[in-house]
Amino acid sequence: CEVQFAGFIYSAYEQLRSHIGRVRQRTRGAQSAPLVVRTPVGGGVGAPESHCESIEGLFASTPGLKVVTPSGPRSARALLRAAIEDPDPVIFLEPTSLYFSHREWVPTEVERLPVGFTLLRRRGHDLTVVSYGACLARALKASEKLKAEGHSLEVLELATLSPLDVRPVLRSVKKTKRLVVFHEGPRFGDV
């Protein structure tokens, strides 16, 4: 199903959290709830108040829900295919700013980007940059700019925010000793 904008999803949150997300646990694995909820998220399009929410933290911390977010058209199709085939409920967060800004070749063959994986998008050794959704392209662009200045960034994409595949992040940070998380969620406080 589709919720027109993320700012409108809060009235459905109780049912998603208390019921749909707990079906597998409540039935001790005997039943599942194959459901995909799509909703646009994030800013960058000049939309008013409830049309630019970044709700990934709310859903990624909700037990029983899987949360994915594509970084472009190709990953959107591959993630949506995998989400539809997943036996559990998946929240599919579509970065609004990518609707009109990102063009990408998409093959005719059916592709699946498995739910539950972190993807290595660029190898590096000076700094680990973890990003997702609309910010991934910016992270890759920044890594190109810094490469020209002699810096080597390793860029990882969190195509799945929950369950979080933290192993590639830990491997990368062990190598680089530095981590930056690049996302478009709201800032906290006056930092």
N, C-alpha and C. Protein backbone atom coordinates (compact mmCIF):
# COMPACT_ATOMS: atom_id res chain seq x y z
N CYS A 1 0.85 -1.18 0.00
CA CYS A 1 0.00 0.00 0.00
C CYS A 1 0.89 1.24 0.00
N GLU A 2 0.31 2.36 -0.32
CA GLU A 2 1.05 3.61 -0.37
C GLU A 2 0.43 4.63 0.55
N VAL A 3 1.27 5.29 1.33
CA VAL A 3 0.86 6.44 2.13
C VAL A 3 1.43 7.64 1.39
N GLN A 4 0.58 8.55 0.99
CA GLN A 4 0.96 9.62 0.06
C GLN A 4 2.20 10.40 0.49
N PHE A 5 2.31 10.72 1.78
CA PHE A 5 3.50 11.38 2.31
C PHE A 5 3.77 10.83 3.70
N ALA A 6 5.06 10.76 4.06
CA ALA A 6 5.44 10.18 5.35
C ALA A 6 4.77 10.89 6.52
N GLY A 7 4.49 12.17 6.39
CA GLY A 7 3.85 12.91 7.47
C GLY A 7 2.44 12.44 7.77
N PHE A 8 1.87 11.63 6.88
CA PHE A 8 0.51 11.11 7.09
C PHE A 8 0.50 9.69 7.65
N ILE A 9 1.67 9.12 7.89
CA ILE A 9 1.74 7.71 8.28
C ILE A 9 1.52 7.49 9.78
N TYR A 10 1.55 8.56 10.56
CA TYR A 10 1.50 8.38 12.02
C TYR A 10 0.20 7.74 12.50
N SER A 11 -0.91 7.99 11.84
CA SER A 11 -2.16 7.36 12.29
C SER A 11 -2.15 5.86 12.03
N ALA A 12 -1.32 5.38 11.12
CA ALA A 12 -1.20 3.94 10.86
C ALA A 12 -0.11 3.30 11.71
N TYR A 13 0.72 4.12 12.34
CA TYR A 13 1.87 3.58 13.07
C TYR A 13 1.46 2.60 14.16
N GLU A 14 0.42 2.90 14.90
CA GLU A 14 -0.01 2.00 15.99
C GLU A 14 -0.32 0.60 15.46
N GLN A 15 -1.02 0.51 14.34
CA GLN A 15 -1.35 -0.80 13.78
C GLN A 15 -0.10 -1.51 13.25
N LEU A 16 0.80 -0.74 12.63
CA LEU A 16 2.04 -1.32 12.13
C LEU A 16 2.92 -1.82 13.28
N ARG A 17 3.02 -1.04 14.35
CA ARG A 17 3.88 -1.38 15.49
C ARG A 17 3.28 -2.48 16.34
N SER A 18 2.04 -2.34 16.73
CA SER A 18 1.43 -3.25 17.70
C SER A 18 0.86 -4.52 17.10
N HIS A 19 0.58 -4.52 15.82
CA HIS A 19 -0.07 -5.69 15.23
C HIS A 19 0.73 -6.30 14.09
N ILE A 20 0.87 -5.61 12.98
CA ILE A 20 1.53 -6.17 11.80
C ILE A 20 2.97 -6.58 12.11
N GLY A 21 3.71 -5.73 12.79
CA GLY A 21 5.11 -6.02 13.09
C GLY A 21 5.31 -7.16 14.06
N ARG A 22 4.27 -7.55 14.76
CA ARG A 22 4.41 -8.59 15.79
C ARG A 22 3.77 -9.93 15.43
N VAL A 23 3.27 -10.05 14.24
CA VAL A 23 2.58 -11.28 13.84
C VAL A 23 3.49 -12.50 13.97
N ARG A 24 4.71 -12.41 13.42
CA ARG A 24 5.61 -13.57 13.47
C ARG A 24 5.95 -13.93 14.92
N GLN A 25 6.23 -12.94 15.75
CA GLN A 25 6.56 -13.21 17.15
C GLN A 25 5.35 -13.75 17.90
N ARG A 26 4.20 -13.13 17.69
CA ARG A 26 2.99 -13.51 18.40
C ARG A 26 2.56 -14.94 18.08
N THR A 27 2.83 -15.39 16.84
CA THR A 27 2.42 -16.75 16.44
C THR A 27 3.59 -17.74 16.51
N ARG A 28 4.70 -17.30 17.12
CA ARG A 28 5.90 -18.13 17.26
C ARG A 28 6.37 -18.68 15.92
N GLY A 29 6.30 -17.81 14.91
CA GLY A 29 6.79 -18.15 13.58
C GLY A 29 5.81 -18.89 12.70
N ALA A 30 4.62 -19.20 13.20
CA ALA A 30 3.65 -19.96 12.40
C ALA A 30 3.02 -19.11 11.30
N GLN A 31 2.96 -17.80 11.50
CA GLN A 31 2.35 -16.92 10.50
C GLN A 31 3.26 -15.73 10.23
N SER A 32 3.07 -15.15 9.08
CA SER A 32 3.82 -13.94 8.73
C SER A 32 2.84 -12.90 8.21
N ALA A 33 3.33 -11.72 7.99
CA ALA A 33 2.48 -10.62 7.49
C ALA A 33 3.17 -9.98 6.29
N PRO A 34 3.02 -10.58 5.10
CA PRO A 34 3.67 -10.01 3.92
C PRO A 34 2.96 -8.73 3.47
N LEU A 35 3.55 -7.61 3.81
CA LEU A 35 2.96 -6.31 3.52
C LEU A 35 4.07 -5.33 3.18
N VAL A 36 3.87 -4.51 2.17
CA VAL A 36 4.80 -3.45 1.85
C VAL A 36 4.05 -2.13 1.96
N VAL A 37 4.59 -1.21 2.74
CA VAL A 37 4.03 0.14 2.87
C VAL A 37 5.05 1.10 2.26
N ARG A 38 4.66 1.74 1.17
CA ARG A 38 5.53 2.71 0.49
C ARG A 38 5.13 4.12 0.91
N THR A 39 6.16 4.96 1.13
CA THR A 39 5.86 6.36 1.43
C THR A 39 7.06 7.24 1.07
N PRO A 40 6.80 8.40 0.48
CA PRO A 40 7.88 9.34 0.20
C PRO A 40 8.40 9.96 1.50
N VAL A 41 9.72 10.15 1.56
CA VAL A 41 10.34 10.72 2.76
C VAL A 41 11.36 11.78 2.37
N GLY A 42 11.69 12.62 3.33
CA GLY A 42 12.77 13.58 3.19
C GLY A 42 12.39 14.86 2.48
N GLY A 43 13.36 15.74 2.45
CA GLY A 43 13.15 17.06 1.89
C GLY A 43 13.75 17.22 0.52
N GLY A 44 14.01 18.48 0.21
CA GLY A 44 14.65 18.78 -1.06
C GLY A 44 13.73 19.14 -2.19
N VAL A 45 12.44 19.18 -1.94
CA VAL A 45 11.51 19.51 -3.02
C VAL A 45 10.66 20.73 -2.69
N GLY A 46 10.97 21.41 -1.59
CA GLY A 46 10.24 22.62 -1.22
C GLY A 46 8.80 22.39 -0.82
N ALA A 47 8.52 21.19 -0.30
CA ALA A 47 7.15 20.86 0.10
C ALA A 47 6.85 21.41 1.50
N PRO A 48 5.58 21.71 1.77
CA PRO A 48 5.22 22.25 3.09
C PRO A 48 5.26 21.20 4.19
N GLU A 49 5.06 21.67 5.38
CA GLU A 49 5.13 20.98 6.65
C GLU A 49 5.11 19.46 6.67
N SER A 50 4.07 18.74 6.39
CA SER A 50 4.06 17.30 6.58
C SER A 50 4.39 16.53 5.30
N HIS A 51 5.04 17.17 4.36
CA HIS A 51 5.42 16.51 3.13
C HIS A 51 6.92 16.26 3.04
N CYS A 52 7.64 16.50 4.12
CA CYS A 52 9.11 16.35 4.05
C CYS A 52 9.67 15.69 5.31
N GLU A 53 8.92 14.77 5.89
CA GLU A 53 9.34 14.09 7.11
C GLU A 53 10.46 13.08 6.82
N SER A 54 11.35 12.91 7.77
CA SER A 54 12.36 11.85 7.74
C SER A 54 12.04 10.93 8.92
N ILE A 55 11.34 9.85 8.62
CA ILE A 55 10.80 8.98 9.66
C ILE A 55 11.55 7.67 9.83
N GLU A 56 12.69 7.55 9.17
CA GLU A 56 13.38 6.27 9.18
C GLU A 56 13.75 5.79 10.58
N GLY A 57 14.12 6.70 11.47
CA GLY A 57 14.48 6.30 12.83
C GLY A 57 13.33 5.67 13.59
N LEU A 58 12.14 6.22 13.40
CA LEU A 58 10.95 5.69 14.07
C LEU A 58 10.69 4.25 13.64
N PHE A 59 10.70 3.99 12.34
CA PHE A 59 10.38 2.65 11.86
C PHE A 59 11.54 1.68 12.01
N ALA A 60 12.78 2.15 11.87
CA ALA A 60 13.93 1.25 12.00
C ALA A 60 14.07 0.73 13.43
N SER A 61 13.51 1.44 14.40
CA SER A 61 13.59 0.98 15.80
C SER A 61 12.32 0.26 16.24
N THR A 62 11.45 -0.08 15.30
CA THR A 62 10.21 -0.79 15.61
C THR A 62 10.40 -2.28 15.36
N PRO A 63 10.35 -3.11 16.41
CA PRO A 63 10.55 -4.55 16.25
C PRO A 63 9.55 -5.15 15.26
N GLY A 64 10.05 -6.06 14.42
CA GLY A 64 9.19 -6.79 13.50
C GLY A 64 9.02 -6.15 12.14
N LEU A 65 9.43 -4.89 12.00
CA LEU A 65 9.32 -4.21 10.71
C LEU A 65 10.69 -4.16 10.05
N LYS A 66 10.70 -4.41 8.75
CA LYS A 66 11.92 -4.22 7.97
C LYS A 66 11.79 -2.87 7.29
N VAL A 67 12.91 -2.17 7.14
CA VAL A 67 12.89 -0.82 6.56
C VAL A 67 13.96 -0.74 5.49
N VAL A 68 13.54 -0.36 4.28
CA VAL A 68 14.47 -0.21 3.16
C VAL A 68 14.30 1.17 2.54
N THR A 69 15.37 1.64 1.91
CA THR A 69 15.30 2.91 1.19
C THR A 69 16.26 2.88 0.01
N PRO A 70 15.76 3.11 -1.19
CA PRO A 70 16.62 3.07 -2.37
C PRO A 70 17.43 4.35 -2.54
N SER A 71 18.49 4.24 -3.34
CA SER A 71 19.32 5.40 -3.62
C SER A 71 19.18 5.86 -5.07
N GLY A 72 18.30 5.21 -5.80
CA GLY A 72 18.08 5.57 -7.20
C GLY A 72 17.05 4.66 -7.83
N PRO A 73 16.71 4.89 -9.10
CA PRO A 73 15.68 4.09 -9.77
C PRO A 73 15.99 2.60 -9.83
N ARG A 74 17.24 2.26 -10.12
CA ARG A 74 17.58 0.84 -10.23
C ARG A 74 17.44 0.12 -8.90
N SER A 75 17.97 0.72 -7.84
CA SER A 75 17.83 0.07 -6.53
C SER A 75 16.39 0.10 -6.05
N ALA A 76 15.61 1.12 -6.47
CA ALA A 76 14.19 1.18 -6.09
C ALA A 76 13.44 -0.03 -6.64
N ARG A 77 13.65 -0.31 -7.91
CA ARG A 77 12.95 -1.46 -8.50
C ARG A 77 13.41 -2.77 -7.87
N ALA A 78 14.72 -2.92 -7.68
CA ALA A 78 15.26 -4.16 -7.12
C ALA A 78 14.84 -4.35 -5.66
N LEU A 79 14.82 -3.27 -4.88
CA LEU A 79 14.38 -3.36 -3.48
C LEU A 79 12.88 -3.60 -3.38
N LEU A 80 12.11 -2.96 -4.25
CA LEU A 80 10.65 -3.15 -4.21
C LEU A 80 10.30 -4.60 -4.54
N ARG A 81 10.98 -5.17 -5.52
CA ARG A 81 10.75 -6.58 -5.87
C ARG A 81 11.03 -7.47 -4.67
N ALA A 82 12.17 -7.25 -4.01
CA ALA A 82 12.53 -8.05 -2.84
C ALA A 82 11.57 -7.83 -1.68
N ALA A 83 11.11 -6.58 -1.49
CA ALA A 83 10.17 -6.28 -0.41
C ALA A 83 8.84 -6.99 -0.63
N ILE A 84 8.36 -7.00 -1.86
CA ILE A 84 7.10 -7.68 -2.17
C ILE A 84 7.21 -9.17 -1.92
N GLU A 85 8.35 -9.74 -2.19
CA GLU A 85 8.55 -11.18 -2.00
C GLU A 85 8.89 -11.56 -0.56
N ASP A 86 9.19 -10.58 0.28
CA ASP A 86 9.56 -10.86 1.67
C ASP A 86 8.32 -11.29 2.46
N PRO A 87 8.44 -12.27 3.34
CA PRO A 87 7.28 -12.73 4.10
C PRO A 87 6.89 -11.80 5.26
N ASP A 88 7.73 -10.83 5.58
CA ASP A 88 7.46 -9.94 6.70
C ASP A 88 7.10 -8.54 6.22
N PRO A 89 6.55 -7.71 7.10
CA PRO A 89 6.19 -6.34 6.71
C PRO A 89 7.44 -5.50 6.45
N VAL A 90 7.40 -4.76 5.34
CA VAL A 90 8.52 -3.92 4.93
C VAL A 90 8.01 -2.49 4.74
N ILE A 91 8.69 -1.55 5.37
CA ILE A 91 8.41 -0.13 5.15
C ILE A 91 9.39 0.32 4.07
N PHE A 92 8.86 0.79 2.95
CA PHE A 92 9.67 1.16 1.79
C PHE A 92 9.68 2.68 1.70
N LEU A 93 10.79 3.27 2.12
CA LEU A 93 10.91 4.73 2.18
C LEU A 93 11.51 5.26 0.88
N GLU A 94 10.73 6.04 0.14
CA GLU A 94 11.16 6.56 -1.16
C GLU A 94 11.65 8.00 -0.99
N PRO A 95 12.93 8.27 -1.20
CA PRO A 95 13.44 9.64 -1.07
C PRO A 95 12.78 10.56 -2.11
N THR A 96 12.01 11.51 -1.63
CA THR A 96 11.25 12.41 -2.50
C THR A 96 12.16 13.16 -3.47
N SER A 97 13.30 13.59 -3.00
CA SER A 97 14.18 14.39 -3.87
C SER A 97 14.70 13.60 -5.06
N LEU A 98 14.65 12.26 -5.00
CA LEU A 98 15.10 11.45 -6.13
C LEU A 98 14.05 11.35 -7.23
N TYR A 99 12.80 11.68 -6.93
CA TYR A 99 11.74 11.57 -7.93
C TYR A 99 12.06 12.35 -9.20
N PHE A 100 12.66 13.51 -9.05
CA PHE A 100 12.88 14.38 -10.20
C PHE A 100 14.34 14.67 -10.48
N SER A 101 15.24 14.24 -9.61
CA SER A 101 16.63 14.65 -9.75
C SER A 101 17.58 13.55 -10.20
N HIS A 102 17.18 12.31 -10.08
CA HIS A 102 18.13 11.22 -10.31
C HIS A 102 17.68 10.39 -11.51
N ARG A 103 18.51 10.32 -12.51
CA ARG A 103 18.26 9.49 -13.69
C ARG A 103 19.32 8.39 -13.70
N GLU A 104 18.85 7.20 -14.08
CA GLU A 104 19.76 6.06 -14.04
C GLU A 104 19.23 4.98 -14.99
N TRP A 105 20.15 4.30 -15.65
CA TRP A 105 19.77 3.18 -16.50
C TRP A 105 19.28 2.04 -15.63
N VAL A 106 18.17 1.43 -16.04
CA VAL A 106 17.60 0.29 -15.33
C VAL A 106 17.47 -0.84 -16.33
N PRO A 107 18.10 -1.99 -16.08
CA PRO A 107 18.05 -3.09 -17.04
C PRO A 107 16.65 -3.69 -17.14
N THR A 108 16.39 -4.35 -18.23
CA THR A 108 15.07 -4.97 -18.41
C THR A 108 14.94 -6.25 -17.60
N GLU A 109 16.08 -6.91 -17.29
CA GLU A 109 16.01 -8.14 -16.48
C GLU A 109 15.55 -7.80 -15.07
N VAL A 110 14.84 -8.74 -14.48
CA VAL A 110 14.39 -8.56 -13.10
C VAL A 110 15.59 -8.67 -12.17
N GLU A 111 15.75 -7.69 -11.30
CA GLU A 111 16.82 -7.70 -10.30
C GLU A 111 16.20 -7.63 -8.91
N ARG A 112 16.90 -8.19 -7.95
CA ARG A 112 16.49 -8.11 -6.56
C ARG A 112 17.68 -7.61 -5.75
N LEU A 113 17.43 -6.65 -4.91
CA LEU A 113 18.45 -6.17 -3.98
C LEU A 113 18.00 -6.70 -2.63
N PRO A 114 18.62 -7.77 -2.14
CA PRO A 114 18.10 -8.44 -0.95
C PRO A 114 17.91 -7.51 0.25
N VAL A 115 16.83 -7.73 0.95
CA VAL A 115 16.56 -7.00 2.18
C VAL A 115 17.53 -7.50 3.25
N GLY A 116 18.20 -6.57 3.93
CA GLY A 116 19.06 -6.96 5.04
C GLY A 116 20.55 -6.83 4.78
N PHE A 117 20.96 -6.08 3.75
CA PHE A 117 22.37 -5.97 3.44
C PHE A 117 22.84 -4.53 3.34
N THR A 118 24.10 -4.33 3.76
CA THR A 118 24.81 -3.07 3.57
C THR A 118 25.72 -3.28 2.37
N LEU A 119 25.76 -2.30 1.48
CA LEU A 119 26.49 -2.44 0.22
C LEU A 119 27.73 -1.55 0.20
N LEU A 120 28.85 -2.10 -0.23
CA LEU A 120 30.08 -1.33 -0.41
C LEU A 120 29.98 -0.65 -1.77
N ARG A 121 29.95 0.68 -1.78
CA ARG A 121 29.82 1.44 -3.02
C ARG A 121 31.14 2.01 -3.52
N ARG A 122 32.10 2.21 -2.62
CA ARG A 122 33.41 2.70 -3.02
C ARG A 122 34.44 2.28 -1.96
N ARG A 123 35.55 1.74 -2.41
CA ARG A 123 36.62 1.34 -1.49
C ARG A 123 37.50 2.54 -1.15
N GLY A 124 37.96 2.57 0.09
CA GLY A 124 38.86 3.63 0.54
C GLY A 124 39.55 3.23 1.82
N HIS A 125 40.42 4.10 2.34
CA HIS A 125 41.15 3.73 3.55
C HIS A 125 41.29 4.86 4.58
N ASP A 126 40.89 6.10 4.25
CA ASP A 126 41.04 7.21 5.19
C ASP A 126 39.83 7.44 6.10
N LEU A 127 38.65 7.18 5.58
CA LEU A 127 37.41 7.50 6.30
C LEU A 127 36.29 6.62 5.79
N THR A 128 35.45 6.13 6.70
CA THR A 128 34.25 5.38 6.34
C THR A 128 33.08 6.33 6.33
N VAL A 129 32.36 6.38 5.23
CA VAL A 129 31.14 7.19 5.12
C VAL A 129 29.98 6.23 4.91
N VAL A 130 29.02 6.27 5.82
CA VAL A 130 27.82 5.45 5.74
C VAL A 130 26.67 6.36 5.37
N SER A 131 25.92 5.98 4.33
CA SER A 131 24.83 6.83 3.87
C SER A 131 23.71 5.96 3.32
N TYR A 132 22.60 6.60 2.97
CA TYR A 132 21.47 5.88 2.38
C TYR A 132 20.55 6.87 1.68
N GLY A 133 19.67 6.32 0.86
CA GLY A 133 18.68 7.14 0.18
C GLY A 133 19.29 8.23 -0.68
N ALA A 134 18.68 9.40 -0.63
CA ALA A 134 19.09 10.53 -1.46
C ALA A 134 20.50 11.01 -1.16
N CYS A 135 20.98 10.80 0.05
CA CYS A 135 22.31 11.29 0.42
C CYS A 135 23.44 10.44 -0.13
N LEU A 136 23.16 9.23 -0.61
CA LEU A 136 24.23 8.39 -1.12
C LEU A 136 24.93 9.06 -2.30
N ALA A 137 24.19 9.62 -3.23
CA ALA A 137 24.81 10.28 -4.39
C ALA A 137 25.70 11.43 -3.94
N ARG A 138 25.28 12.16 -2.93
CA ARG A 138 26.09 13.26 -2.41
C ARG A 138 27.36 12.74 -1.75
N ALA A 139 27.24 11.62 -1.04
CA ALA A 139 28.42 11.03 -0.40
C ALA A 139 29.43 10.56 -1.46
N LEU A 140 28.94 9.96 -2.53
CA LEU A 140 29.83 9.51 -3.60
C LEU A 140 30.49 10.70 -4.31
N LYS A 141 29.71 11.77 -4.49
CA LYS A 141 30.26 12.98 -5.12
C LYS A 141 31.35 13.59 -4.23
N ALA A 142 31.10 13.64 -2.94
CA ALA A 142 32.09 14.17 -2.00
C ALA A 142 33.35 13.31 -2.00
N SER A 143 33.18 11.99 -2.12
CA SER A 143 34.36 11.12 -2.14
C SER A 143 35.20 11.37 -3.39
N GLU A 144 34.55 11.68 -4.52
CA GLU A 144 35.29 12.02 -5.75
C GLU A 144 36.07 13.33 -5.58
N LYS A 145 35.41 14.31 -4.98
CA LYS A 145 36.07 15.60 -4.77
C LYS A 145 37.27 15.44 -3.84
N LEU A 146 37.09 14.69 -2.76
CA LEU A 146 38.18 14.50 -1.81
C LEU A 146 39.29 13.62 -2.37
N LYS A 147 38.93 12.73 -3.29
CA LYS A 147 39.94 11.89 -3.94
C LYS A 147 40.92 12.78 -4.72
N ALA A 148 40.37 13.80 -5.38
CA ALA A 148 41.21 14.74 -6.13
C ALA A 148 42.16 15.51 -5.21
N GLU A 149 41.81 15.57 -3.92
CA GLU A 149 42.65 16.26 -2.94
C GLU A 149 43.55 15.28 -2.18
N GLY A 150 43.53 14.01 -2.60
CA GLY A 150 44.41 13.02 -2.00
C GLY A 150 43.83 12.22 -0.85
N HIS A 151 42.52 12.28 -0.65
CA HIS A 151 41.87 11.52 0.43
C HIS A 151 41.09 10.35 -0.15
N SER A 152 41.06 9.27 0.60
CA SER A 152 40.40 8.05 0.14
C SER A 152 39.25 7.68 1.08
N LEU A 153 38.01 7.84 0.59
CA LEU A 153 36.83 7.55 1.40
C LEU A 153 36.24 6.20 1.00
N GLU A 154 35.88 5.42 2.00
CA GLU A 154 35.14 4.18 1.76
C GLU A 154 33.67 4.52 1.98
N VAL A 155 32.83 4.27 0.99
CA VAL A 155 31.42 4.64 1.06
C VAL A 155 30.56 3.38 1.10
N LEU A 156 29.74 3.29 2.14
CA LEU A 156 28.82 2.17 2.31
C LEU A 156 27.39 2.67 2.22
N GLU A 157 26.54 1.88 1.58
CA GLU A 157 25.12 2.22 1.45
C GLU A 157 24.28 1.30 2.33
N LEU A 158 23.46 1.92 3.17
CA LEU A 158 22.49 1.17 3.96
C LEU A 158 21.20 1.11 3.15
N ALA A 159 21.10 0.18 2.22
CA ALA A 159 19.86 0.02 1.45
C ALA A 159 18.77 -0.50 2.39
N THR A 160 19.17 -1.25 3.40
CA THR A 160 18.26 -1.73 4.44
C THR A 160 18.67 -1.09 5.75
N LEU A 161 17.73 -0.37 6.36
CA LEU A 161 17.99 0.27 7.66
C LEU A 161 17.64 -0.65 8.81
N SER A 162 16.74 -1.59 8.57
CA SER A 162 16.37 -2.58 9.59
C SER A 162 15.86 -3.83 8.89
N PRO A 163 16.47 -4.99 9.13
CA PRO A 163 17.56 -5.21 10.06
C PRO A 163 18.87 -4.64 9.49
N LEU A 164 19.64 -4.04 10.36
CA LEU A 164 20.87 -3.38 9.96
C LEU A 164 22.01 -4.39 9.87
N ASP A 165 22.62 -4.47 8.71
CA ASP A 165 23.79 -5.32 8.49
C ASP A 165 25.01 -4.51 8.90
N VAL A 166 25.42 -4.62 10.13
CA VAL A 166 26.48 -3.78 10.68
C VAL A 166 27.89 -4.34 10.39
N ARG A 167 27.98 -5.60 9.97
CA ARG A 167 29.29 -6.22 9.74
C ARG A 167 30.18 -5.46 8.76
N PRO A 168 29.67 -5.05 7.58
CA PRO A 168 30.54 -4.28 6.67
C PRO A 168 30.97 -2.94 7.26
N VAL A 169 30.11 -2.33 8.05
CA VAL A 169 30.46 -1.05 8.69
C VAL A 169 31.59 -1.27 9.68
N LEU A 170 31.50 -2.29 10.50
CA LEU A 170 32.54 -2.58 11.48
C LEU A 170 33.87 -2.92 10.81
N ARG A 171 33.80 -3.70 9.72
CA ARG A 171 35.04 -4.03 8.98
C ARG A 171 35.69 -2.77 8.43
N SER A 172 34.87 -1.89 7.88
CA SER A 172 35.39 -0.66 7.29
C SER A 172 35.99 0.26 8.35
N VAL A 173 35.30 0.43 9.47
CA VAL A 173 35.79 1.31 10.53
C VAL A 173 37.06 0.73 11.17
N LYS A 174 37.14 -0.58 11.24
CA LYS A 174 38.37 -1.20 11.75
C LYS A 174 39.56 -0.81 10.86
N LYS A 175 39.30 -0.70 9.56
CA LYS A 175 40.35 -0.34 8.61
C LYS A 175 40.65 1.16 8.64
N THR A 176 39.61 2.01 8.60
CA THR A 176 39.81 3.46 8.47
C THR A 176 39.97 4.18 9.80
N LYS A 177 39.43 3.61 10.86
CA LYS A 177 39.45 4.21 12.21
C LYS A 177 38.60 5.47 12.34
N ARG A 178 37.80 5.78 11.32
CA ARG A 178 36.96 6.98 11.33
C ARG A 178 35.62 6.67 10.67
N LEU A 179 34.55 7.31 11.18
CA LEU A 179 33.21 7.07 10.65
C LEU A 179 32.42 8.37 10.59
N VAL A 180 31.76 8.58 9.46
CA VAL A 180 30.80 9.68 9.29
C VAL A 180 29.51 9.06 8.78
N VAL A 181 28.40 9.40 9.40
CA VAL A 181 27.09 8.97 8.92
C VAL A 181 26.44 10.17 8.25
N PHE A 182 26.08 10.02 6.99
CA PHE A 182 25.56 11.12 6.18
C PHE A 182 24.11 10.81 5.81
N HIS A 183 23.17 11.57 6.40
CA HIS A 183 21.75 11.36 6.14
C HIS A 183 21.03 12.70 6.15
N GLU A 184 19.76 12.70 5.75
CA GLU A 184 19.03 13.96 5.67
C GLU A 184 17.97 14.12 6.76
N GLY A 185 18.05 13.32 7.82
CA GLY A 185 17.11 13.45 8.91
C GLY A 185 17.27 14.78 9.63
N PRO A 186 16.31 15.10 10.47
CA PRO A 186 16.39 16.38 11.19
C PRO A 186 17.56 16.37 12.17
N ARG A 187 18.13 17.54 12.37
CA ARG A 187 19.20 17.63 13.36
C ARG A 187 18.60 17.74 14.74
N PHE A 188 19.37 17.35 15.71
CA PHE A 188 18.89 17.35 17.08
C PHE A 188 19.60 18.43 17.87
N GLY A 189 18.83 19.32 18.46
CA GLY A 189 19.41 20.40 19.26
C GLY A 189 20.05 21.46 18.40
N ASP A 190 20.83 22.27 19.00
CA ASP A 190 21.50 23.35 18.29
C ASP A 190 22.97 23.05 18.10
N VAL A 191 23.28 21.85 17.70
CA VAL A 191 24.67 21.44 17.49
C VAL A 191 25.21 22.04 16.23
